[in-house]
Amino acid sequence: MKELNVNIQFHLHAYDELSSLDRELIDTARQATYRSYAPYSHFSVGAAARLMNGQIISGSNQENAAYPSGLCAERTTLFYANANHPDTAVETLAIAARNERGEFVDDSIAPCGACRQVMLETERRYGHPLRILLDGQKGICEVQKATDLLPLSFDASAME
C-alpha cells in the first residue's frame, strides 16, 4: 500500500490587508448577496469575477422550489462570464455570503462540489489559474488556483 498526502496552501487576510482591487471584488460579491433569491435556505450568496481585461461581473444564488433547479452564485457568475466573454479568462473569483439574520458570515465559506468542478473547468478552459477569495468577517481565505480546492479531480483527460 502506498500513502499519499494532499497539501493545500492558502492565505488568510484581514480585509484591510487586501489590495484595492481585491477589496473592490469582495465588495462587489457582498453587494451581489442582496440580489440573491434564497426564500428556502435564507442563505444569500454573491460572487464577483474579475476578468483578465479588468472587467468585473457578478452573480448570486437563485433558489427554486423544485430542487435542484436553483443555481449557486459561483456557477451563475462563471457561466455568465464564459457565455458573454468566451475569449477572456477569469482571473479572480470572490465569494461572500449572508446568513438568515442578514449578517455576513464570520468564517469564509467554501464552494460546493459542483461549483468547484465548474471552477476547475473554467481554469482548464483558459489554461490560466483561477484565484479564489472566500470572504468571511474573521478573515478572507485566498486560494491561488481552483485545482487546490478539488484534488483528485475529474476532467476531460479521464474520458480519453
N, C-alpha and C. Protein backbone atom coordinates (compact mmCIF):
# COMPACT_ATOMS: atom_id res chain seq x y z
N MET A 1 0.84 -1.17 0.00
CA MET A 1 0.00 0.00 0.00
C MET A 1 0.89 1.24 0.00
N LYS A 2 0.45 2.21 -0.73
CA LYS A 2 1.17 3.48 -0.82
C LYS A 2 0.28 4.57 -0.25
N GLU A 3 0.84 5.39 0.60
CA GLU A 3 0.08 6.50 1.18
C GLU A 3 0.52 7.81 0.54
N LEU A 4 -0.46 8.60 0.11
CA LEU A 4 -0.20 9.91 -0.49
C LEU A 4 -0.90 10.98 0.33
N ASN A 5 -0.31 12.14 0.38
CA ASN A 5 -0.91 13.27 1.08
C ASN A 5 -1.18 14.39 0.10
N VAL A 6 -2.28 15.08 0.32
CA VAL A 6 -2.62 16.24 -0.48
C VAL A 6 -2.45 17.47 0.42
N ASN A 7 -1.63 18.40 -0.02
CA ASN A 7 -1.41 19.63 0.73
C ASN A 7 -1.99 20.80 -0.05
N ILE A 8 -2.71 21.64 0.63
CA ILE A 8 -3.32 22.81 0.01
C ILE A 8 -2.78 24.05 0.72
N GLN A 9 -2.24 24.96 -0.06
CA GLN A 9 -1.73 26.19 0.51
C GLN A 9 -2.76 27.30 0.30
N PHE A 10 -3.03 28.05 1.35
CA PHE A 10 -3.89 29.21 1.23
C PHE A 10 -3.41 30.27 2.20
N HIS A 11 -3.86 31.49 1.96
CA HIS A 11 -3.51 32.60 2.83
C HIS A 11 -4.79 33.15 3.45
N LEU A 12 -4.70 33.59 4.69
CA LEU A 12 -5.82 34.21 5.37
C LEU A 12 -5.47 35.68 5.59
N HIS A 13 -6.30 36.57 5.06
CA HIS A 13 -6.05 38.01 5.11
C HIS A 13 -7.15 38.71 5.88
N ALA A 14 -6.81 39.80 6.52
CA ALA A 14 -7.81 40.75 7.01
C ALA A 14 -8.21 41.59 5.81
N TYR A 15 -9.44 42.08 5.82
CA TYR A 15 -9.94 42.88 4.69
C TYR A 15 -8.99 44.01 4.34
N ASP A 16 -8.49 44.74 5.35
CA ASP A 16 -7.65 45.90 5.08
C ASP A 16 -6.24 45.53 4.61
N GLU A 17 -5.90 44.25 4.65
CA GLU A 17 -4.61 43.80 4.11
C GLU A 17 -4.68 43.53 2.61
N LEU A 18 -5.89 43.46 2.07
CA LEU A 18 -6.06 43.17 0.65
C LEU A 18 -5.70 44.39 -0.20
N SER A 19 -5.36 44.14 -1.45
CA SER A 19 -5.13 45.23 -2.39
C SER A 19 -6.46 45.93 -2.67
N SER A 20 -6.40 47.12 -3.19
CA SER A 20 -7.64 47.84 -3.51
C SER A 20 -8.46 47.08 -4.55
N LEU A 21 -7.81 46.39 -5.47
CA LEU A 21 -8.53 45.60 -6.48
C LEU A 21 -9.26 44.43 -5.83
N ASP A 22 -8.62 43.77 -4.87
CA ASP A 22 -9.27 42.65 -4.19
C ASP A 22 -10.40 43.14 -3.28
N ARG A 23 -10.22 44.27 -2.62
CA ARG A 23 -11.30 44.84 -1.79
C ARG A 23 -12.51 45.18 -2.68
N GLU A 24 -12.25 45.73 -3.86
CA GLU A 24 -13.34 46.03 -4.80
C GLU A 24 -14.09 44.77 -5.19
N LEU A 25 -13.37 43.69 -5.42
CA LEU A 25 -14.00 42.43 -5.81
C LEU A 25 -14.82 41.85 -4.65
N ILE A 26 -14.27 41.87 -3.44
CA ILE A 26 -15.02 41.41 -2.27
C ILE A 26 -16.27 42.26 -2.07
N ASP A 27 -16.14 43.57 -2.18
CA ASP A 27 -17.30 44.46 -2.02
C ASP A 27 -18.38 44.17 -3.05
N THR A 28 -17.97 43.87 -4.28
CA THR A 28 -18.93 43.54 -5.34
C THR A 28 -19.63 42.22 -5.04
N ALA A 29 -18.89 41.24 -4.53
CA ALA A 29 -19.50 39.96 -4.14
C ALA A 29 -20.48 40.16 -2.99
N ARG A 30 -20.11 40.98 -2.02
CA ARG A 30 -21.01 41.27 -0.90
C ARG A 30 -22.29 41.95 -1.38
N GLN A 31 -22.16 42.90 -2.29
CA GLN A 31 -23.34 43.57 -2.83
C GLN A 31 -24.23 42.60 -3.59
N ALA A 32 -23.63 41.66 -4.27
CA ALA A 32 -24.40 40.68 -5.05
C ALA A 32 -25.28 39.82 -4.14
N THR A 33 -24.92 39.66 -2.86
CA THR A 33 -25.75 38.86 -1.95
C THR A 33 -27.14 39.47 -1.81
N TYR A 34 -27.26 40.77 -2.02
CA TYR A 34 -28.56 41.44 -1.89
C TYR A 34 -29.46 41.19 -3.11
N ARG A 35 -28.92 40.60 -4.16
CA ARG A 35 -29.72 40.23 -5.33
C ARG A 35 -30.03 38.73 -5.35
N SER A 36 -29.65 38.06 -4.29
CA SER A 36 -29.89 36.63 -4.15
C SER A 36 -31.40 36.37 -4.04
N TYR A 37 -31.80 35.22 -4.54
CA TYR A 37 -33.17 34.74 -4.34
C TYR A 37 -33.05 33.46 -3.53
N ALA A 38 -33.22 33.57 -2.21
CA ALA A 38 -32.99 32.44 -1.30
C ALA A 38 -34.13 32.29 -0.30
N PRO A 39 -35.38 32.10 -0.80
CA PRO A 39 -36.51 32.00 0.13
C PRO A 39 -36.56 30.69 0.92
N TYR A 40 -35.76 29.70 0.55
CA TYR A 40 -35.80 28.40 1.21
C TYR A 40 -34.65 28.25 2.21
N SER A 41 -33.44 28.53 1.78
CA SER A 41 -32.28 28.37 2.67
C SER A 41 -32.04 29.62 3.52
N HIS A 42 -32.50 30.75 3.05
CA HIS A 42 -32.24 32.04 3.71
C HIS A 42 -30.73 32.27 3.85
N PHE A 43 -29.97 31.73 2.92
CA PHE A 43 -28.52 31.88 2.89
C PHE A 43 -28.19 32.54 1.56
N SER A 44 -27.88 33.82 1.60
CA SER A 44 -27.67 34.62 0.39
C SER A 44 -26.19 34.66 0.03
N VAL A 45 -25.89 34.19 -1.16
CA VAL A 45 -24.50 34.12 -1.62
C VAL A 45 -24.33 35.00 -2.84
N GLY A 46 -23.22 35.70 -2.87
CA GLY A 46 -22.86 36.53 -4.02
C GLY A 46 -21.46 36.19 -4.47
N ALA A 47 -21.22 36.33 -5.76
CA ALA A 47 -19.89 36.09 -6.31
C ALA A 47 -19.57 37.21 -7.29
N ALA A 48 -18.30 37.52 -7.39
CA ALA A 48 -17.83 38.53 -8.34
C ALA A 48 -16.57 38.00 -8.99
N ALA A 49 -16.48 38.17 -10.31
CA ALA A 49 -15.33 37.70 -11.06
C ALA A 49 -14.65 38.88 -11.75
N ARG A 50 -13.33 38.92 -11.61
CA ARG A 50 -12.55 39.89 -12.38
C ARG A 50 -11.97 39.14 -13.57
N LEU A 51 -12.29 39.63 -14.76
CA LEU A 51 -11.76 39.04 -15.97
C LEU A 51 -10.35 39.56 -16.22
N MET A 52 -9.61 38.91 -17.09
CA MET A 52 -8.24 39.31 -17.38
C MET A 52 -8.17 40.73 -17.97
N ASN A 53 -9.26 41.20 -18.56
CA ASN A 53 -9.28 42.56 -19.11
C ASN A 53 -9.65 43.60 -18.05
N GLY A 54 -9.82 43.17 -16.79
CA GLY A 54 -10.13 44.08 -15.69
C GLY A 54 -11.62 44.25 -15.41
N GLN A 55 -12.47 43.80 -16.31
CA GLN A 55 -13.92 43.93 -16.11
C GLN A 55 -14.37 43.05 -14.95
N ILE A 56 -15.33 43.55 -14.17
CA ILE A 56 -15.90 42.78 -13.05
C ILE A 56 -17.35 42.48 -13.36
N ILE A 57 -17.73 41.22 -13.18
CA ILE A 57 -19.12 40.81 -13.31
C ILE A 57 -19.51 40.10 -12.02
N SER A 58 -20.80 40.01 -11.75
CA SER A 58 -21.23 39.36 -10.50
C SER A 58 -22.50 38.56 -10.71
N GLY A 59 -22.78 37.73 -9.73
CA GLY A 59 -23.99 36.91 -9.74
C GLY A 59 -24.34 36.52 -8.32
N SER A 60 -25.50 35.92 -8.17
CA SER A 60 -25.96 35.50 -6.85
C SER A 60 -26.68 34.16 -6.96
N ASN A 61 -26.88 33.51 -5.79
CA ASN A 61 -27.59 32.24 -5.82
C ASN A 61 -29.06 32.49 -6.12
N GLN A 62 -29.64 31.55 -6.85
CA GLN A 62 -31.04 31.63 -7.28
C GLN A 62 -31.69 30.29 -6.97
N GLU A 63 -32.50 30.25 -5.91
CA GLU A 63 -33.13 29.00 -5.49
C GLU A 63 -34.44 28.76 -6.23
N ASN A 64 -34.91 27.52 -6.13
CA ASN A 64 -36.14 27.13 -6.78
C ASN A 64 -36.79 26.04 -5.92
N ALA A 65 -38.11 26.10 -5.81
CA ALA A 65 -38.83 25.11 -5.00
C ALA A 65 -38.62 23.69 -5.54
N ALA A 66 -38.40 23.57 -6.82
CA ALA A 66 -38.13 22.26 -7.43
C ALA A 66 -36.62 22.01 -7.40
N TYR A 67 -36.14 21.54 -6.22
CA TYR A 67 -34.71 21.23 -6.09
C TYR A 67 -34.35 20.17 -7.10
N PRO A 68 -33.25 20.16 -7.76
CA PRO A 68 -32.11 21.07 -7.67
C PRO A 68 -32.09 22.09 -8.80
N SER A 69 -33.22 22.67 -9.12
CA SER A 69 -33.31 23.60 -10.24
C SER A 69 -32.65 24.95 -9.99
N GLY A 70 -32.30 25.25 -8.78
CA GLY A 70 -31.62 26.51 -8.48
C GLY A 70 -30.16 26.46 -8.91
N LEU A 71 -29.47 27.56 -8.70
CA LEU A 71 -28.07 27.64 -9.10
C LEU A 71 -27.30 28.48 -8.11
N CYS A 72 -26.11 28.04 -7.78
CA CYS A 72 -25.23 28.75 -6.84
C CYS A 72 -24.67 30.02 -7.48
N ALA A 73 -24.27 30.96 -6.64
CA ALA A 73 -23.72 32.23 -7.10
C ALA A 73 -22.45 32.03 -7.93
N GLU A 74 -21.62 31.09 -7.53
CA GLU A 74 -20.37 30.86 -8.24
C GLU A 74 -20.63 30.43 -9.68
N ARG A 75 -21.54 29.48 -9.85
CA ARG A 75 -21.84 28.99 -11.20
C ARG A 75 -22.58 30.04 -12.00
N THR A 76 -23.50 30.78 -11.37
CA THR A 76 -24.20 31.85 -12.08
C THR A 76 -23.18 32.82 -12.67
N THR A 77 -22.21 33.19 -11.86
CA THR A 77 -21.20 34.17 -12.28
C THR A 77 -20.27 33.61 -13.35
N LEU A 78 -19.75 32.42 -13.13
CA LEU A 78 -18.81 31.84 -14.09
C LEU A 78 -19.48 31.50 -15.42
N PHE A 79 -20.70 30.98 -15.38
CA PHE A 79 -21.40 30.68 -16.63
C PHE A 79 -21.68 31.96 -17.41
N TYR A 80 -22.05 33.02 -16.70
CA TYR A 80 -22.27 34.31 -17.37
C TYR A 80 -20.97 34.79 -18.01
N ALA A 81 -19.87 34.71 -17.26
CA ALA A 81 -18.57 35.15 -17.79
C ALA A 81 -18.19 34.34 -19.02
N ASN A 82 -18.31 33.01 -18.93
CA ASN A 82 -17.91 32.15 -20.04
C ASN A 82 -18.82 32.33 -21.26
N ALA A 83 -20.11 32.58 -21.04
CA ALA A 83 -21.05 32.75 -22.15
C ALA A 83 -20.92 34.12 -22.83
N ASN A 84 -20.63 35.14 -22.05
CA ASN A 84 -20.60 36.50 -22.60
C ASN A 84 -19.20 37.01 -22.91
N HIS A 85 -18.19 36.36 -22.40
CA HIS A 85 -16.79 36.75 -22.63
C HIS A 85 -15.97 35.49 -22.90
N PRO A 86 -16.32 34.74 -23.95
CA PRO A 86 -15.71 33.43 -24.17
C PRO A 86 -14.21 33.46 -24.45
N ASP A 87 -13.68 34.61 -24.83
CA ASP A 87 -12.25 34.70 -25.14
C ASP A 87 -11.45 35.37 -24.03
N THR A 88 -12.08 35.62 -22.87
CA THR A 88 -11.41 36.31 -21.78
C THR A 88 -11.43 35.44 -20.52
N ALA A 89 -10.27 35.10 -20.05
CA ALA A 89 -10.16 34.25 -18.85
C ALA A 89 -10.63 35.00 -17.61
N VAL A 90 -11.10 34.24 -16.64
CA VAL A 90 -11.42 34.79 -15.33
C VAL A 90 -10.14 34.75 -14.51
N GLU A 91 -9.76 35.90 -13.98
CA GLU A 91 -8.52 35.99 -13.19
C GLU A 91 -8.76 35.63 -11.72
N THR A 92 -9.79 36.24 -11.12
CA THR A 92 -10.08 36.04 -9.70
C THR A 92 -11.58 35.96 -9.49
N LEU A 93 -12.01 35.07 -8.60
CA LEU A 93 -13.41 34.93 -8.21
C LEU A 93 -13.52 35.15 -6.71
N ALA A 94 -14.39 36.07 -6.29
CA ALA A 94 -14.63 36.32 -4.87
C ALA A 94 -16.03 35.82 -4.52
N ILE A 95 -16.16 35.23 -3.33
CA ILE A 95 -17.44 34.68 -2.88
C ILE A 95 -17.75 35.21 -1.48
N ALA A 96 -18.97 35.71 -1.30
CA ALA A 96 -19.41 36.24 0.00
C ALA A 96 -20.79 35.67 0.31
N ALA A 97 -21.16 35.66 1.60
CA ALA A 97 -22.46 35.12 1.99
C ALA A 97 -23.00 35.85 3.22
N ARG A 98 -24.34 35.89 3.28
CA ARG A 98 -25.05 36.40 4.45
C ARG A 98 -25.96 35.30 4.97
N ASN A 99 -26.07 35.21 6.30
CA ASN A 99 -26.90 34.18 6.91
C ASN A 99 -28.36 34.63 7.00
N GLU A 100 -29.20 33.81 7.62
CA GLU A 100 -30.64 34.11 7.68
C GLU A 100 -30.96 35.37 8.49
N ARG A 101 -30.02 35.83 9.31
CA ARG A 101 -30.20 37.08 10.05
C ARG A 101 -29.77 38.29 9.22
N GLY A 102 -29.27 38.03 8.00
CA GLY A 102 -28.82 39.09 7.12
C GLY A 102 -27.41 39.57 7.40
N GLU A 103 -26.68 38.84 8.25
CA GLU A 103 -25.31 39.21 8.61
C GLU A 103 -24.33 38.48 7.71
N PHE A 104 -23.25 39.16 7.34
CA PHE A 104 -22.20 38.47 6.61
C PHE A 104 -21.59 37.41 7.52
N VAL A 105 -21.28 36.26 6.97
CA VAL A 105 -20.81 35.12 7.76
C VAL A 105 -19.44 35.41 8.37
N ASP A 106 -19.19 34.85 9.55
CA ASP A 106 -17.92 35.05 10.24
C ASP A 106 -16.77 34.32 9.55
N ASP A 107 -16.97 33.05 9.28
CA ASP A 107 -15.91 32.24 8.67
C ASP A 107 -16.09 32.21 7.16
N SER A 108 -14.97 32.22 6.45
CA SER A 108 -15.05 32.20 4.99
C SER A 108 -15.79 30.94 4.55
N ILE A 109 -16.64 31.10 3.55
CA ILE A 109 -17.44 29.98 3.07
C ILE A 109 -16.70 29.25 1.96
N ALA A 110 -16.93 27.97 1.88
CA ALA A 110 -16.32 27.16 0.84
C ALA A 110 -17.37 26.80 -0.20
N PRO A 111 -17.00 26.80 -1.47
CA PRO A 111 -17.95 26.43 -2.52
C PRO A 111 -18.31 24.95 -2.48
N CYS A 112 -19.50 24.63 -2.97
CA CYS A 112 -19.93 23.23 -3.04
C CYS A 112 -19.11 22.48 -4.09
N GLY A 113 -19.27 21.19 -4.13
CA GLY A 113 -18.53 20.36 -5.07
C GLY A 113 -18.82 20.70 -6.53
N ALA A 114 -20.08 20.95 -6.87
CA ALA A 114 -20.43 21.28 -8.26
C ALA A 114 -19.75 22.58 -8.68
N CYS A 115 -19.73 23.56 -7.78
CA CYS A 115 -19.08 24.84 -8.10
C CYS A 115 -17.58 24.66 -8.24
N ARG A 116 -16.99 23.81 -7.40
CA ARG A 116 -15.56 23.55 -7.51
C ARG A 116 -15.24 22.93 -8.87
N GLN A 117 -16.10 22.02 -9.32
CA GLN A 117 -15.89 21.39 -10.63
C GLN A 117 -15.97 22.43 -11.75
N VAL A 118 -16.92 23.35 -11.67
CA VAL A 118 -17.05 24.40 -12.69
C VAL A 118 -15.84 25.34 -12.63
N MET A 119 -15.37 25.66 -11.43
CA MET A 119 -14.16 26.49 -11.31
C MET A 119 -12.97 25.81 -11.97
N LEU A 120 -12.83 24.51 -11.72
CA LEU A 120 -11.75 23.75 -12.32
C LEU A 120 -11.85 23.77 -13.84
N GLU A 121 -13.04 23.55 -14.36
CA GLU A 121 -13.23 23.55 -15.81
C GLU A 121 -12.93 24.92 -16.40
N THR A 122 -13.32 25.98 -15.70
CA THR A 122 -13.03 27.35 -16.17
C THR A 122 -11.52 27.57 -16.21
N GLU A 123 -10.85 27.12 -15.18
CA GLU A 123 -9.39 27.25 -15.12
C GLU A 123 -8.73 26.50 -16.29
N ARG A 124 -9.17 25.29 -16.51
CA ARG A 124 -8.57 24.48 -17.58
C ARG A 124 -8.97 24.99 -18.97
N ARG A 125 -10.17 25.51 -19.10
CA ARG A 125 -10.64 26.05 -20.38
C ARG A 125 -9.69 27.13 -20.89
N TYR A 126 -9.26 28.00 -19.99
CA TYR A 126 -8.42 29.12 -20.39
C TYR A 126 -6.93 28.87 -20.18
N GLY A 127 -6.59 27.75 -19.54
CA GLY A 127 -5.18 27.47 -19.30
C GLY A 127 -4.54 28.52 -18.40
N HIS A 128 -5.34 29.05 -17.47
CA HIS A 128 -4.88 30.11 -16.58
C HIS A 128 -5.42 29.84 -15.17
N PRO A 129 -4.58 29.95 -14.15
CA PRO A 129 -5.08 29.70 -12.78
C PRO A 129 -6.23 30.64 -12.40
N LEU A 130 -7.22 30.08 -11.75
CA LEU A 130 -8.36 30.87 -11.25
C LEU A 130 -8.14 31.09 -9.76
N ARG A 131 -7.78 32.30 -9.40
CA ARG A 131 -7.55 32.66 -8.00
C ARG A 131 -8.90 32.87 -7.33
N ILE A 132 -9.04 32.43 -6.08
CA ILE A 132 -10.34 32.47 -5.40
C ILE A 132 -10.19 33.15 -4.05
N LEU A 133 -11.11 34.08 -3.75
CA LEU A 133 -11.17 34.77 -2.47
C LEU A 133 -12.48 34.37 -1.78
N LEU A 134 -12.36 33.76 -0.60
CA LEU A 134 -13.53 33.31 0.15
C LEU A 134 -13.71 34.27 1.33
N ASP A 135 -14.76 35.07 1.28
CA ASP A 135 -14.98 36.13 2.25
C ASP A 135 -15.50 35.60 3.58
N GLY A 136 -15.05 36.21 4.65
CA GLY A 136 -15.54 35.95 6.00
C GLY A 136 -15.17 37.13 6.87
N GLN A 137 -15.99 37.43 7.85
CA GLN A 137 -15.71 38.56 8.73
C GLN A 137 -14.45 38.35 9.57
N LYS A 138 -14.11 37.08 9.83
CA LYS A 138 -12.91 36.78 10.60
C LYS A 138 -11.66 36.72 9.73
N GLY A 139 -11.84 36.77 8.43
CA GLY A 139 -10.71 36.73 7.51
C GLY A 139 -11.13 36.27 6.13
N ILE A 140 -10.33 36.61 5.16
CA ILE A 140 -10.60 36.26 3.77
C ILE A 140 -9.54 35.26 3.35
N CYS A 141 -10.01 34.09 2.95
CA CYS A 141 -9.14 33.00 2.54
C CYS A 141 -8.82 33.16 1.05
N GLU A 142 -7.55 33.18 0.72
CA GLU A 142 -7.10 33.31 -0.66
C GLU A 142 -6.51 31.98 -1.12
N VAL A 143 -7.07 31.44 -2.19
CA VAL A 143 -6.59 30.20 -2.80
C VAL A 143 -6.06 30.57 -4.18
N GLN A 144 -4.86 30.13 -4.51
CA GLN A 144 -4.19 30.55 -5.74
C GLN A 144 -4.73 29.93 -7.02
N LYS A 145 -5.35 28.75 -6.90
CA LYS A 145 -5.88 28.11 -8.11
C LYS A 145 -6.99 27.13 -7.75
N ALA A 146 -7.92 26.95 -8.67
CA ALA A 146 -9.09 26.10 -8.42
C ALA A 146 -8.69 24.65 -8.16
N THR A 147 -7.62 24.19 -8.76
CA THR A 147 -7.22 22.80 -8.54
C THR A 147 -6.89 22.55 -7.07
N ASP A 148 -6.53 23.58 -6.32
CA ASP A 148 -6.27 23.41 -4.88
C ASP A 148 -7.55 23.09 -4.11
N LEU A 149 -8.70 23.50 -4.63
CA LEU A 149 -9.97 23.23 -3.96
C LEU A 149 -10.56 21.88 -4.36
N LEU A 150 -10.00 21.25 -5.38
CA LEU A 150 -10.57 19.99 -5.85
C LEU A 150 -9.46 19.00 -6.23
N PRO A 151 -8.74 18.50 -5.22
CA PRO A 151 -7.72 17.50 -5.54
C PRO A 151 -8.39 16.21 -6.03
N LEU A 152 -7.65 15.41 -6.77
CA LEU A 152 -8.17 14.17 -7.36
C LEU A 152 -9.40 14.44 -8.21
N SER A 153 -9.32 15.48 -9.01
CA SER A 153 -10.47 15.96 -9.78
C SER A 153 -10.70 15.17 -11.07
N PHE A 154 -11.90 15.30 -11.57
CA PHE A 154 -12.33 14.71 -12.84
C PHE A 154 -12.23 15.78 -13.91
N ASP A 155 -11.61 15.46 -15.03
CA ASP A 155 -11.57 16.40 -16.15
C ASP A 155 -11.60 15.62 -17.47
N ALA A 156 -11.45 16.34 -18.57
CA ALA A 156 -11.56 15.73 -19.89
C ALA A 156 -10.57 14.60 -20.12
N SER A 157 -9.41 14.66 -19.48
CA SER A 157 -8.41 13.61 -19.67
C SER A 157 -8.92 12.24 -19.23
N ALA A 158 -9.88 12.20 -18.31
CA ALA A 158 -10.45 10.92 -17.86
C ALA A 158 -11.29 10.26 -18.94
N MET A 159 -11.72 11.02 -19.92
CA MET A 159 -12.58 10.48 -20.98
C MET A 159 -11.80 10.07 -22.21
N GLU A 160 -10.49 10.22 -22.18
CA GLU A 160 -9.67 9.88 -23.36
C GLU A 160 -9.40 8.40 -23.43
